């Protein structure tokens, strides 16, 4: 991993938002930004200080048409909270047949999201 750039936490009058800091981290390329009490933005994504909530038990509906694949729901980080995005049916892109779900993994300082994607 690249360097870690430590920034002071945004004060009540600073006008600095965590979103702006995350964007700045992306522009710095190869760096990570640490905001005390918030999260770490790294080359591989966002390291969130707390674990995501337990998975939501979803009811998989009947396949709407042949060839569609169920993509399960997931907890995503919106910059301040975990939010649930429900599962859905989708047509795989040409040449792909299955969906490998993403997952949150423990990392130094919290949890990091490893995205899923289509597989052949």
PDB file of N, CA and C in Angstrom:
ATOM      1  N   UNK A   1       0.847  -1.168   0.000  1.00  0.00           N
ATOM      2  CA  UNK A   1       0.000   0.000   0.000  1.00  0.00           C
ATOM      3  C   UNK A   1       0.892   1.231   0.000  1.00  0.00           C
ATOM      4  N   UNK A   2       0.349   2.330  -0.493  1.00  0.00           N
ATOM      5  CA  UNK A   2       1.090   3.585  -0.552  1.00  0.00           C
ATOM      6  C   UNK A   2       1.153   4.264   0.798  1.00  0.00           C
ATOM      7  N   UNK A   3       1.577   5.508   0.777  1.00  0.00           N
ATOM      8  CA  UNK A   3       1.700   6.290   2.002  1.00  0.00           C
ATOM      9  C   UNK A   3       0.338   6.539   2.642  1.00  0.00           C
ATOM     10  N   UNK A   4       0.331   6.839   3.923  1.00  0.00           N
ATOM     11  CA  UNK A   4      -0.873   7.247   4.637  1.00  0.00           C
ATOM     12  C   UNK A   4      -0.708   8.709   4.991  1.00  0.00           C
ATOM     13  N   UNK A   5      -1.632   9.525   4.552  1.00  0.00           N
ATOM     14  CA  UNK A   5      -1.608  10.958   4.810  1.00  0.00           C
ATOM     15  C   UNK A   5      -2.544  11.231   5.973  1.00  0.00           C
ATOM     16  N   UNK A   6      -2.014  11.659   7.099  1.00  0.00           N
ATOM     17  CA  UNK A   6      -2.846  11.912   8.276  1.00  0.00           C
ATOM     18  C   UNK A   6      -3.290  13.363   8.264  1.00  0.00           C
ATOM     19  N   UNK A   7      -4.590  13.540   8.333  1.00  0.00           N
ATOM     20  CA  UNK A   7      -5.172  14.876   8.332  1.00  0.00           C
ATOM     21  C   UNK A   7      -5.896  15.113   9.640  1.00  0.00           C
ATOM     22  N   UNK A   8      -5.948  16.339  10.111  1.00  0.00           N
ATOM     23  CA  UNK A   8      -6.726  16.612  11.317  1.00  0.00           C
ATOM     24  C   UNK A   8      -8.203  16.407  11.026  1.00  0.00           C
ATOM     25  N   UNK A   9      -8.928  15.997  12.038  1.00  0.00           N
ATOM     26  CA  UNK A   9     -10.369  15.833  11.861  1.00  0.00           C
ATOM     27  C   UNK A   9     -11.023  17.172  11.586  1.00  0.00           C
ATOM     28  N   UNK A  10     -12.122  17.168  10.801  1.00  0.00           N
ATOM     29  CA  UNK A  10     -12.787  18.425  10.502  1.00  0.00           C
ATOM     30  C   UNK A  10     -13.390  19.027  11.763  1.00  0.00           C
ATOM     31  N   UNK A  11     -13.099  20.265  12.029  1.00  0.00           N
ATOM     32  CA  UNK A  11     -13.645  20.961  13.184  1.00  0.00           C
ATOM     33  C   UNK A  11     -15.007  21.542  12.861  1.00  0.00           C
ATOM     34  N   UNK A  12     -15.718  22.047  13.875  1.00  0.00           N
ATOM     35  CA  UNK A  12     -17.065  22.550  13.641  1.00  0.00           C
ATOM     36  C   UNK A  12     -17.103  23.743  12.693  1.00  0.00           C
ATOM     37  N   UNK A  13     -16.020  24.498  12.556  1.00  0.00           N
ATOM     38  CA  UNK A  13     -16.030  25.660  11.690  1.00  0.00           C
ATOM     39  C   UNK A  13     -15.107  25.503  10.477  1.00  0.00           C
ATOM     40  N   UNK A  14     -14.565  24.308  10.301  1.00  0.00           N
ATOM     41  CA  UNK A  14     -13.556  24.146   9.257  1.00  0.00           C
ATOM     42  C   UNK A  14     -14.134  24.137   7.857  1.00  0.00           C
ATOM     43  N   UNK A  15     -15.380  23.696   7.699  1.00  0.00           N
ATOM     44  CA  UNK A  15     -15.971  23.608   6.374  1.00  0.00           C
ATOM     45  C   UNK A  15     -15.418  22.460   5.545  1.00  0.00           C
ATOM     46  N   UNK A  16     -14.594  21.594   6.150  1.00  0.00           N
ATOM     47  CA  UNK A  16     -14.023  20.464   5.433  1.00  0.00           C
ATOM     48  C   UNK A  16     -14.935  19.264   5.636  1.00  0.00           C
ATOM     49  N   UNK A  17     -15.409  18.682   4.554  1.00  0.00           N
ATOM     50  CA  UNK A  17     -16.276  17.514   4.677  1.00  0.00           C
ATOM     51  C   UNK A  17     -15.462  16.249   4.457  1.00  0.00           C
ATOM     52  N   UNK A  18     -15.948  15.154   5.022  1.00  0.00           N
ATOM     53  CA  UNK A  18     -15.268  13.874   4.845  1.00  0.00           C
ATOM     54  C   UNK A  18     -15.316  13.481   3.377  1.00  0.00           C
ATOM     55  N   UNK A  19     -16.412  13.791   2.665  1.00  0.00           N
ATOM     56  CA  UNK A  19     -16.504  13.500   1.242  1.00  0.00           C
ATOM     57  C   UNK A  19     -15.411  14.207   0.461  1.00  0.00           C
ATOM     58  N   UNK A  20     -15.137  15.461   0.800  1.00  0.00           N
ATOM     59  CA  UNK A  20     -14.079  16.209   0.126  1.00  0.00           C
ATOM     60  C   UNK A  20     -12.739  15.561   0.391  1.00  0.00           C
ATOM     61  N   UNK A  21     -12.537  15.105   1.614  1.00  0.00           N
ATOM     62  CA  UNK A  21     -11.281  14.451   1.950  1.00  0.00           C
ATOM     63  C   UNK A  21     -11.113  13.152   1.165  1.00  0.00           C
ATOM     64  N   UNK A  22     -12.208  12.401   0.987  1.00  0.00           N
ATOM     65  CA  UNK A  22     -12.137  11.161   0.222  1.00  0.00           C
ATOM     66  C   UNK A  22     -11.787  11.462  -1.242  1.00  0.00           C
ATOM     67  N   UNK A  23     -12.387  12.494  -1.804  1.00  0.00           N
ATOM     68  CA  UNK A  23     -12.084  12.879  -3.173  1.00  0.00           C
ATOM     69  C   UNK A  23     -10.620  13.294  -3.286  1.00  0.00           C
ATOM     70  N   UNK A  24     -10.152  14.045  -2.324  1.00  0.00           N
ATOM     71  CA  UNK A  24      -8.750  14.461  -2.323  1.00  0.00           C
ATOM     72  C   UNK A  24      -7.835  13.250  -2.297  1.00  0.00           C
ATOM     73  N   UNK A  25      -8.208  12.230  -1.526  1.00  0.00           N
ATOM     74  CA  UNK A  25      -7.392  11.017  -1.445  1.00  0.00           C
ATOM     75  C   UNK A  25      -7.313  10.340  -2.800  1.00  0.00           C
ATOM     76  N   UNK A  26      -8.434  10.276  -3.493  1.00  0.00           N
ATOM     77  CA  UNK A  26      -8.439   9.651  -4.811  1.00  0.00           C
ATOM     78  C   UNK A  26      -7.525  10.408  -5.768  1.00  0.00           C
ATOM     79  N   UNK A  27      -7.528  11.720  -5.674  1.00  0.00           N
ATOM     80  CA  UNK A  27      -6.703  12.534  -6.563  1.00  0.00           C
ATOM     81  C   UNK A  27      -5.221  12.433  -6.230  1.00  0.00           C
ATOM     82  N   UNK A  28      -4.895  12.149  -4.965  1.00  0.00           N
ATOM     83  CA  UNK A  28      -3.497  12.041  -4.565  1.00  0.00           C
ATOM     84  C   UNK A  28      -2.850  10.794  -5.154  1.00  0.00           C
ATOM     85  N   UNK A  29      -3.625   9.777  -5.449  1.00  0.00           N
ATOM     86  CA  UNK A  29      -3.124   8.557  -6.069  1.00  0.00           C
ATOM     87  C   UNK A  29      -2.034   7.883  -5.254  1.00  0.00           C
ATOM     88  N   UNK A  30      -2.286   6.669  -4.821  1.00  0.00           N
ATOM     89  CA  UNK A  30      -1.281   5.922  -4.088  1.00  0.00           C
ATOM     90  C   UNK A  30      -1.210   6.266  -2.619  1.00  0.00           C
ATOM     91  N   UNK A  31      -2.000   7.203  -2.161  1.00  0.00           N
ATOM     92  CA  UNK A  31      -2.005   7.584  -0.749  1.00  0.00           C
ATOM     93  C   UNK A  31      -3.291   7.090  -0.098  1.00  0.00           C
ATOM     94  N   UNK A  32      -3.289   7.093   1.194  1.00  0.00           N
ATOM     95  CA  UNK A  32      -4.505   6.844   1.960  1.00  0.00           C
ATOM     96  C   UNK A  32      -4.714   8.061   2.838  1.00  0.00           C
ATOM     97  N   UNK A  33      -5.952   8.340   3.155  1.00  0.00           N
ATOM     98  CA  UNK A  33      -6.261   9.481   4.010  1.00  0.00           C
ATOM     99  C   UNK A  33      -6.902   8.971   5.281  1.00  0.00           C
ATOM    100  N   UNK A  34      -6.369   9.365   6.407  1.00  0.00           N
ATOM    101  CA  UNK A  34      -6.920   8.979   7.695  1.00  0.00           C
ATOM    102  C   UNK A  34      -7.569  10.199   8.327  1.00  0.00           C
ATOM    103  N   UNK A  35      -8.853  10.092   8.640  1.00  0.00           N
ATOM    104  CA  UNK A  35      -9.585  11.144   9.324  1.00  0.00           C
ATOM    105  C   UNK A  35      -9.944  10.578  10.688  1.00  0.00           C
ATOM    106  N   UNK A  36      -9.416  11.129  11.772  1.00  0.00           N
ATOM    107  CA  UNK A  36      -9.674  10.569  13.097  1.00  0.00           C
ATOM    108  C   UNK A  36     -11.164  10.352  13.346  1.00  0.00           C
ATOM    109  N   UNK A  37     -11.497   9.158  13.823  1.00  0.00           N
ATOM    110  CA  UNK A  37     -12.875   8.831  14.150  1.00  0.00           C
ATOM    111  C   UNK A  37     -13.736   8.520  12.943  1.00  0.00           C
ATOM    112  N   UNK A  38     -13.193   8.541  11.744  1.00  0.00           N
ATOM    113  CA  UNK A  38     -14.018   8.297  10.573  1.00  0.00           C
ATOM    114  C   UNK A  38     -13.617   6.995   9.883  1.00  0.00           C
ATOM    115  N   UNK A  39     -12.767   7.078   8.903  1.00  0.00           N
ATOM    116  CA  UNK A  39     -12.416   5.923   8.102  1.00  0.00           C
ATOM    117  C   UNK A  39     -11.099   6.186   7.414  1.00  0.00           C
ATOM    118  N   UNK A  40     -10.564   5.174   6.757  1.00  0.00           N
ATOM    119  CA  UNK A  40      -9.331   5.325   5.991  1.00  0.00           C
ATOM    120  C   UNK A  40      -9.671   5.045   4.531  1.00  0.00           C
ATOM    121  N   UNK A  41      -9.320   5.964   3.648  1.00  0.00           N
ATOM    122  CA  UNK A  41      -9.517   5.754   2.217  1.00  0.00           C
ATOM    123  C   UNK A  41      -8.196   5.233   1.674  1.00  0.00           C
ATOM    124  N   UNK A  42      -8.218   4.056   1.063  1.00  0.00           N
ATOM    125  CA  UNK A  42      -6.991   3.437   0.575  1.00  0.00           C
ATOM    126  C   UNK A  42      -7.086   3.181  -0.916  1.00  0.00           C
ATOM    127  N   UNK A  43      -6.010   2.656  -1.466  1.00  0.00           N
ATOM    128  CA  UNK A  43      -5.989   2.308  -2.878  1.00  0.00           C
ATOM    129  C   UNK A  43      -7.058   1.275  -3.214  1.00  0.00           C
ATOM    130  N   UNK A  44      -7.371   0.379  -2.281  1.00  0.00           N
ATOM    131  CA  UNK A  44      -8.333  -0.688  -2.534  1.00  0.00           C
ATOM    132  C   UNK A  44      -9.753  -0.342  -2.140  1.00  0.00           C
ATOM    133  N   UNK A  45     -10.023   0.826  -1.595  1.00  0.00           N
ATOM    134  CA  UNK A  45     -11.364   1.183  -1.186  1.00  0.00           C
ATOM    135  C   UNK A  45     -11.348   1.908   0.132  1.00  0.00           C
ATOM    136  N   UNK A  46     -12.424   1.777   0.872  1.00  0.00           N
ATOM    137  CA  UNK A  46     -12.589   2.467   2.139  1.00  0.00           C
ATOM    138  C   UNK A  46     -12.480   1.461   3.270  1.00  0.00           C
ATOM    139  N   UNK A  47     -11.660   1.761   4.261  1.00  0.00           N
ATOM    140  CA  UNK A  47     -11.604   0.942   5.468  1.00  0.00           C
ATOM    141  C   UNK A  47     -12.502   1.618   6.483  1.00  0.00           C
ATOM    142  N   UNK A  48     -13.578   0.950   6.860  1.00  0.00           N
ATOM    143  CA  UNK A  48     -14.554   1.496   7.799  1.00  0.00           C
ATOM    144  C   UNK A  48     -14.235   0.962   9.181  1.00  0.00           C
ATOM    145  N   UNK A  49     -14.260   1.833  10.183  1.00  0.00           N
ATOM    146  CA  UNK A  49     -13.868   1.463  11.539  1.00  0.00           C
ATOM    147  C   UNK A  49     -14.732   0.408  12.188  1.00  0.00           C
ATOM    148  N   UNK A  50     -15.996   0.290  11.811  1.00  0.00           N
ATOM    149  CA  UNK A  50     -16.889  -0.689  12.432  1.00  0.00           C
ATOM    150  C   UNK A  50     -17.303  -1.742  11.414  1.00  0.00           C
ATOM    151  N   UNK A  51     -17.641  -2.918  11.926  1.00  0.00           N
ATOM    152  CA  UNK A  51     -18.087  -4.010  11.054  1.00  0.00           C
ATOM    153  C   UNK A  51     -19.480  -3.705  10.517  1.00  0.00           C
ATOM    154  N   UNK A  52     -19.805  -4.228   9.328  1.00  0.00           N
ATOM    155  CA  UNK A  52     -21.155  -4.033   8.815  1.00  0.00           C
ATOM    156  C   UNK A  52     -22.156  -4.823   9.646  1.00  0.00           C
ATOM    157  N   UNK A  53     -23.431  -4.432   9.606  1.00  0.00           N
ATOM    158  CA  UNK A  53     -24.463  -5.201  10.312  1.00  0.00           C
ATOM    159  C   UNK A  53     -24.569  -6.613   9.729  1.00  0.00           C
ATOM    160  N   UNK A  54     -25.272  -7.501  10.416  1.00  0.00           N
ATOM    161  CA  UNK A  54     -25.480  -8.844   9.866  1.00  0.00           C
ATOM    162  C   UNK A  54     -26.237  -8.766   8.538  1.00  0.00           C
ATOM    163  N   UNK A  55     -25.988  -9.746   7.685  1.00  0.00           N
ATOM    164  CA  UNK A  55     -26.680  -9.788   6.398  1.00  0.00           C
ATOM    165  C   UNK A  55     -28.191  -9.868   6.618  1.00  0.00           C
ATOM    166  N   UNK A  56     -28.928  -9.283   5.716  1.00  0.00           N
ATOM    167  CA  UNK A  56     -30.386  -9.314   5.761  1.00  0.00           C
ATOM    168  C   UNK A  56     -30.839 -10.595   5.063  1.00  0.00           C
ATOM    169  N   UNK A  57     -31.767 -11.320   5.678  1.00  0.00           N
ATOM    170  CA  UNK A  57     -32.300 -12.532   5.064  1.00  0.00           C
ATOM    171  C   UNK A  57     -33.259 -12.108   3.956  1.00  0.00           C
ATOM    172  N   UNK A  58     -32.893 -12.393   2.717  1.00  0.00           N
ATOM    173  CA  UNK A  58     -33.712 -11.996   1.585  1.00  0.00           C
ATOM    174  C   UNK A  58     -34.515 -13.182   1.058  1.00  0.00           C
ATOM    175  N   UNK A  59     -35.668 -12.886   0.496  1.00  0.00           N
ATOM    176  CA  UNK A  59     -36.461 -13.890  -0.185  1.00  0.00           C
ATOM    177  C   UNK A  59     -36.167 -13.749  -1.669  1.00  0.00           C
ATOM    178  N   UNK A  60     -35.593 -14.786  -2.242  1.00  0.00           N
ATOM    179  CA  UNK A  60     -35.287 -14.767  -3.668  1.00  0.00           C
ATOM    180  C   UNK A  60     -36.577 -15.062  -4.415  1.00  0.00           C
ATOM    181  N   UNK A  61     -36.962 -14.130  -5.264  1.00  0.00           N
ATOM    182  CA  UNK A  61     -38.197 -14.280  -6.021  1.00  0.00           C
ATOM    183  C   UNK A  61     -37.981 -15.261  -7.172  1.00  0.00           C
ATOM    184  N   UNK A  62     -39.066 -15.598  -7.856  1.00  0.00           N
ATOM    185  CA  UNK A  62     -38.990 -16.502  -9.002  1.00  0.00           C
ATOM    186  C   UNK A  62     -38.201 -15.822 -10.116  1.00  0.00           C
ATOM    187  N   UNK A  63     -37.333 -16.581 -10.754  1.00  0.00           N
ATOM    188  CA  UNK A  63     -36.523 -16.054 -11.850  1.00  0.00           C
ATOM    189  C   UNK A  63     -37.444 -15.476 -12.926  1.00  0.00           C
ATOM    190  N   UNK A  64     -37.302 -14.173 -13.235  1.00  0.00           N
ATOM    191  CA  UNK A  64     -38.216 -13.534 -14.187  1.00  0.00           C
ATOM    192  C   UNK A  64     -38.106 -14.073 -15.607  1.00  0.00           C
ATOM    193  N   UNK A  65     -36.899 -14.470 -16.021  1.00  0.00           N
ATOM    194  CA  UNK A  65     -36.730 -15.066 -17.350  1.00  0.00           C
ATOM    195  C   UNK A  65     -35.493 -15.951 -17.345  1.00  0.00           C
ATOM    196  N   UNK A  66     -35.458 -16.879 -18.281  1.00  0.00           N
ATOM    197  CA  UNK A  66     -34.343 -17.823 -18.385  1.00  0.00           C
ATOM    198  C   UNK A  66     -33.046 -17.059 -18.636  1.00  0.00           C
ATOM    199  N   UNK A  67     -31.995 -17.492 -17.941  1.00  0.00           N
ATOM    200  CA  UNK A  67     -30.691 -16.886 -18.121  1.00  0.00           C
ATOM    201  C   UNK A  67     -30.372 -15.785 -17.133  1.00  0.00           C
ATOM    202  N   UNK A  68     -31.380 -15.291 -16.403  1.00  0.00           N
ATOM    203  CA  UNK A  68     -31.112 -14.239 -15.416  1.00  0.00           C
ATOM    204  C   UNK A  68     -30.440 -14.852 -14.189  1.00  0.00           C
ATOM    205  N   UNK A  69     -29.619 -14.056 -13.518  1.00  0.00           N
ATOM    206  CA  UNK A  69     -28.850 -14.496 -12.350  1.00  0.00           C
ATOM    207  C   UNK A  69     -29.217 -13.614 -11.159  1.00  0.00           C
ATOM    208  N   UNK A  70     -29.381 -14.238  -9.993  1.00  0.00           N
ATOM    209  CA  UNK A  70     -29.684 -13.486  -8.766  1.00  0.00           C
ATOM    210  C   UNK A  70     -28.404 -12.858  -8.229  1.00  0.00           C
ATOM    211  N   UNK A  71     -28.443 -11.550  -7.996  1.00  0.00           N
ATOM    212  CA  UNK A  71     -27.345 -10.834  -7.365  1.00  0.00           C
ATOM    213  C   UNK A  71     -27.813 -10.483  -5.960  1.00  0.00           C
ATOM    214  N   UNK A  72     -27.216 -11.094  -4.919  1.00  0.00           N
ATOM    215  CA  UNK A  72     -27.697 -10.871  -3.552  1.00  0.00           C
ATOM    216  C   UNK A  72     -27.464  -9.440  -3.073  1.00  0.00           C
ATOM    217  N   UNK A  73     -28.261  -9.056  -2.083  1.00  0.00           N
ATOM    218  CA  UNK A  73     -28.126  -7.742  -1.483  1.00  0.00           C
ATOM    219  C   UNK A  73     -26.813  -7.612  -0.729  1.00  0.00           C
ATOM    220  N   UNK A  74     -26.484  -6.360  -0.378  1.00  0.00           N
ATOM    221  CA  UNK A  74     -25.220  -6.109   0.304  1.00  0.00           C
ATOM    222  C   UNK A  74     -25.314  -4.838   1.138  1.00  0.00           C
ATOM    223  N   UNK A  75     -24.457  -4.770   2.132  1.00  0.00           N
ATOM    224  CA  UNK A  75     -24.294  -3.548   2.909  1.00  0.00           C
ATOM    225  C   UNK A  75     -23.241  -2.703   2.210  1.00  0.00           C
ATOM    226  N   UNK A  76     -23.554  -1.445   1.913  1.00  0.00           N
ATOM    227  CA  UNK A  76     -22.553  -0.552   1.343  1.00  0.00           C
ATOM    228  C   UNK A  76     -22.357   0.625   2.285  1.00  0.00           C
ATOM    229  N   UNK A  77     -21.201   1.257   2.185  1.00  0.00           N
ATOM    230  CA  UNK A  77     -20.838   2.391   3.030  1.00  0.00           C
ATOM    231  C   UNK A  77     -21.132   3.662   2.259  1.00  0.00           C
ATOM    232  N   UNK A  78     -21.972   4.541   2.809  1.00  0.00           N
ATOM    233  CA  UNK A  78     -22.341   5.775   2.102  1.00  0.00           C
ATOM    234  C   UNK A  78     -21.505   6.978   2.522  1.00  0.00           C
ATOM    235  N   UNK A  79     -20.430   6.732   3.255  1.00  0.00           N
ATOM    236  CA  UNK A  79     -19.574   7.819   3.714  1.00  0.00           C
ATOM    237  C   UNK A  79     -19.817   8.170   5.171  1.00  0.00           C
ATOM    238  N   UNK A  80     -20.913   7.670   5.755  1.00  0.00           N
ATOM    239  CA  UNK A  80     -21.201   7.952   7.150  1.00  0.00           C
ATOM    240  C   UNK A  80     -21.933   6.816   7.847  1.00  0.00           C
ATOM    241  N   UNK A  81     -22.571   5.957   7.061  1.00  0.00           N
ATOM    242  CA  UNK A  81     -23.359   4.854   7.604  1.00  0.00           C
ATOM    243  C   UNK A  81     -23.351   3.688   6.630  1.00  0.00           C
ATOM    244  N   UNK A  82     -23.646   2.493   7.174  1.00  0.00           N
ATOM    245  CA  UNK A  82     -23.909   1.357   6.312  1.00  0.00           C
ATOM    246  C   UNK A  82     -25.357   1.468   5.844  1.00  0.00           C
ATOM    247  N   UNK A  83     -25.598   1.130   4.594  1.00  0.00           N
ATOM    248  CA  UNK A  83     -26.955   1.107   4.041  1.00  0.00           C
ATOM    249  C   UNK A  83     -27.127  -0.194   3.275  1.00  0.00           C
ATOM    250  N   UNK A  84     -28.342  -0.739   3.342  1.00  0.00           N
ATOM    251  CA  UNK A  84     -28.633  -2.001   2.672  1.00  0.00           C
ATOM    252  C   UNK A  84     -29.142  -1.740   1.260  1.00  0.00           C
ATOM    253  N   UNK A  85     -28.576  -2.469   0.298  1.00  0.00           N
ATOM    254  CA  UNK A  85     -29.064  -2.460  -1.081  1.00  0.00           C
ATOM    255  C   UNK A  85     -29.560  -3.874  -1.342  1.00  0.00           C
ATOM    256  N   UNK A  86     -30.852  -4.009  -1.604  1.00  0.00           N
ATOM    257  CA  UNK A  86     -31.464  -5.319  -1.794  1.00  0.00           C
ATOM    258  C   UNK A  86     -30.999  -6.027  -3.047  1.00  0.00           C
ATOM    259  N   UNK A  87     -31.141  -7.350  -3.025  1.00  0.00           N
ATOM    260  CA  UNK A  87     -30.765  -8.169  -4.169  1.00  0.00           C
ATOM    261  C   UNK A  87     -31.711  -7.971  -5.343  1.00  0.00           C
ATOM    262  N   UNK A  88     -31.274  -8.434  -6.508  1.00  0.00           N
ATOM    263  CA  UNK A  88     -32.085  -8.285  -7.719  1.00  0.00           C
ATOM    264  C   UNK A  88     -31.631  -9.290  -8.783  1.00  0.00           C
ATOM    265  N   UNK A  89     -32.477  -9.495  -9.767  1.00  0.00           N
ATOM    266  CA  UNK A  89     -32.163 -10.345 -10.899  1.00  0.00           C
ATOM    267  C   UNK A  89     -31.514  -9.500 -11.987  1.00  0.00           C
ATOM    268  N   UNK A  90     -30.544 -10.082 -12.709  1.00  0.00           N
ATOM    269  CA  UNK A  90     -29.879  -9.360 -13.797  1.00  0.00           C
ATOM    270  C   UNK A  90     -29.459 -10.342 -14.884  1.00  0.00           C
ATOM    271  N   UNK A  91     -29.391  -9.834 -16.109  1.00  0.00           N
ATOM    272  CA  UNK A  91     -28.851 -10.607 -17.222  1.00  0.00           C
ATOM    273  C   UNK A  91     -27.330 -10.464 -17.201  1.00  0.00           C
ATOM    274  N   UNK A  92     -26.603 -11.569 -17.244  1.00  0.00           N
ATOM    275  CA  UNK A  92     -25.145 -11.446 -17.271  1.00  0.00           C
ATOM    276  C   UNK A  92     -24.678 -10.861 -18.602  1.00  0.00           C
ATOM    277  N   UNK A  93     -23.554 -10.158 -18.581  1.00  0.00           N
ATOM    278  CA  UNK A  93     -22.987  -9.666 -19.837  1.00  0.00           C
ATOM    279  C   UNK A  93     -22.575 -10.849 -20.726  1.00  0.00           C
ATOM    280  N   UNK A  94     -22.462 -10.611 -22.003  1.00  0.00           N
ATOM    281  CA  UNK A  94     -22.072 -11.666 -22.942  1.00  0.00           C
ATOM    282  C   UNK A  94     -20.770 -12.330 -22.482  1.00  0.00           C
ATOM    283  N   UNK A  95     -20.762 -13.658 -22.483  1.00  0.00           N
ATOM    284  CA  UNK A  95     -19.568 -14.407 -22.112  1.00  0.00           C
ATOM    285  C   UNK A  95     -19.449 -14.703 -20.624  1.00  0.00           C
ATOM    286  N   UNK A  96     -20.351 -14.191 -19.815  1.00  0.00           N
ATOM    287  CA  UNK A  96     -20.314 -14.413 -18.368  1.00  0.00           C
ATOM    288  C   UNK A  96     -21.566 -15.185 -17.960  1.00  0.00           C
ATOM    289  N   UNK A  97     -21.443 -15.968 -16.881  1.00  0.00           N
ATOM    290  CA  UNK A  97     -22.581 -16.798 -16.502  1.00  0.00           C
ATOM    291  C   UNK A  97     -22.943 -16.753 -15.027  1.00  0.00           C
ATOM    292  N   UNK A  98     -22.028 -16.296 -14.184  1.00  0.00           N
ATOM    293  CA  UNK A  98     -22.345 -16.298 -12.752  1.00  0.00           C
ATOM    294  C   UNK A  98     -21.854 -15.021 -12.089  1.00  0.00           C
ATOM    295  N   UNK A  99     -22.449 -14.728 -10.936  1.00  0.00           N
ATOM    296  CA  UNK A  99     -22.104 -13.557 -10.138  1.00  0.00           C
ATOM    297  C   UNK A  99     -21.347 -14.019  -8.905  1.00  0.00           C
ATOM    298  N   UNK A 100     -20.168 -13.468  -8.664  1.00  0.00           N
ATOM    299  CA  UNK A 100     -19.405 -13.732  -7.443  1.00  0.00           C
ATOM    300  C   UNK A 100     -19.649 -12.547  -6.514  1.00  0.00           C
ATOM    301  N   UNK A 101     -20.382 -12.751  -5.413  1.00  0.00           N
ATOM    302  CA  UNK A 101     -20.708 -11.619  -4.536  1.00  0.00           C
ATOM    303  C   UNK A 101     -19.482 -11.006  -3.873  1.00  0.00           C
ATOM    304  N   UNK A 102     -19.555  -9.727  -3.597  1.00  0.00           N
ATOM    305  CA  UNK A 102     -18.513  -9.032  -2.846  1.00  0.00           C
ATOM    306  C   UNK A 102     -18.649  -9.352  -1.364  1.00  0.00           C
ATOM    307  N   UNK A 103     -17.678  -8.902  -0.581  1.00  0.00           N
ATOM    308  CA  UNK A 103     -17.715  -9.165   0.857  1.00  0.00           C
ATOM    309  C   UNK A 103     -16.884  -8.139   1.609  1.00  0.00           C
ATOM    310  N   UNK A 104     -17.262  -7.917   2.857  1.00  0.00           N
ATOM    311  CA  UNK A 104     -16.474  -7.091   3.773  1.00  0.00           C
ATOM    312  C   UNK A 104     -15.463  -8.000   4.450  1.00  0.00           C
ATOM    313  N   UNK A 105     -14.209  -7.559   4.525  1.00  0.00           N
ATOM    314  CA  UNK A 105     -13.150  -8.328   5.182  1.00  0.00           C
ATOM    315  C   UNK A 105     -12.484  -7.471   6.242  1.00  0.00           C
ATOM    316  N   UNK A 106     -12.085  -8.125   7.342  1.00  0.00           N
ATOM    317  CA  UNK A 106     -11.358  -7.413   8.391  1.00  0.00           C
ATOM    318  C   UNK A 106     -10.028  -6.925   7.827  1.00  0.00           C
ATOM    319  N   UNK A 107      -9.663  -5.709   8.205  1.00  0.00           N
ATOM    320  CA  UNK A 107      -8.415  -5.090   7.758  1.00  0.00           C
ATOM    321  C   UNK A 107      -7.873  -4.265   8.911  1.00  0.00           C
ATOM    322  N   UNK A 108      -6.601  -3.898   8.861  1.00  0.00           N
ATOM    323  CA  UNK A 108      -6.079  -3.026   9.917  1.00  0.00           C
ATOM    324  C   UNK A 108      -6.922  -1.753  10.013  1.00  0.00           C
ATOM    325  N   UNK A 109      -7.446  -1.491  11.192  1.00  0.00           N
ATOM    326  CA  UNK A 109      -8.257  -0.294  11.399  1.00  0.00           C
ATOM    327  C   UNK A 109      -9.737  -0.478  11.151  1.00  0.00           C
ATOM    328  N   UNK A 110     -10.184  -1.663  10.736  1.00  0.00           N
ATOM    329  CA  UNK A 110     -11.616  -1.852  10.519  1.00  0.00           C
ATOM    330  C   UNK A 110     -11.938  -2.924   9.504  1.00  0.00           C
ATOM    331  N   UNK A 111     -12.826  -2.596   8.565  1.00  0.00           N
ATOM    332  CA  UNK A 111     -13.274  -3.527   7.540  1.00  0.00           C
ATOM    333  C   UNK A 111     -13.200  -2.843   6.183  1.00  0.00           C
ATOM    334  N   UNK A 112     -12.835  -3.621   5.157  1.00  0.00           N
ATOM    335  CA  UNK A 112     -12.729  -3.088   3.798  1.00  0.00           C
ATOM    336  C   UNK A 112     -13.611  -3.920   2.873  1.00  0.00           C
ATOM    337  N   UNK A 113     -14.227  -3.250   1.894  1.00  0.00           N
ATOM    338  CA  UNK A 113     -15.106  -3.898   0.929  1.00  0.00           C
ATOM    339  C   UNK A 113     -14.293  -4.411  -0.257  1.00  0.00           C
ATOM    340  N   UNK A 114     -14.498  -5.664  -0.608  1.00  0.00           N
ATOM    341  CA  UNK A 114     -13.920  -6.252  -1.813  1.00  0.00           C
ATOM    342  C   UNK A 114     -15.087  -6.534  -2.736  1.00  0.00           C
ATOM    343  N   UNK A 115     -15.148  -5.816  -3.836  1.00  0.00           N
ATOM    344  CA  UNK A 115     -16.300  -5.877  -4.751  1.00  0.00           C
ATOM    345  C   UNK A 115     -16.433  -7.222  -5.400  1.00  0.00           C
ATOM    346  N   UNK A 116     -17.668  -7.566  -5.710  1.00  0.00           N
ATOM    347  CA  UNK A 116     -17.968  -8.761  -6.461  1.00  0.00           C
ATOM    348  C   UNK A 116     -17.953  -8.439  -7.952  1.00  0.00           C
ATOM    349  N   UNK A 117     -18.319  -9.416  -8.755  1.00  0.00           N
ATOM    350  CA  UNK A 117     -18.362  -9.172 -10.187  1.00  0.00           C
ATOM    351  C   UNK A 117     -18.759 -10.415 -10.955  1.00  0.00           C
ATOM    352  N   UNK A 118     -18.938 -10.243 -12.231  1.00  0.00           N
ATOM    353  CA  UNK A 118     -19.317 -11.340 -13.106  1.00  0.00           C
ATOM    354  C   UNK A 118     -18.120 -12.245 -13.375  1.00  0.00           C
ATOM    355  N   UNK A 119     -18.385 -13.548 -13.438  1.00  0.00           N
ATOM    356  CA  UNK A 119     -17.354 -14.548 -13.702  1.00  0.00           C
ATOM    357  C   UNK A 119     -17.780 -15.392 -14.906  1.00  0.00           C
ATOM    358  N   UNK A 120     -16.801 -15.928 -15.597  1.00  0.00           N
ATOM    359  CA  UNK A 120     -17.077 -16.787 -16.771  1.00  0.00           C
ATOM    360  C   UNK A 120     -17.422 -18.183 -16.340  1.00  0.00           C
TER     361      UNK A 120
END
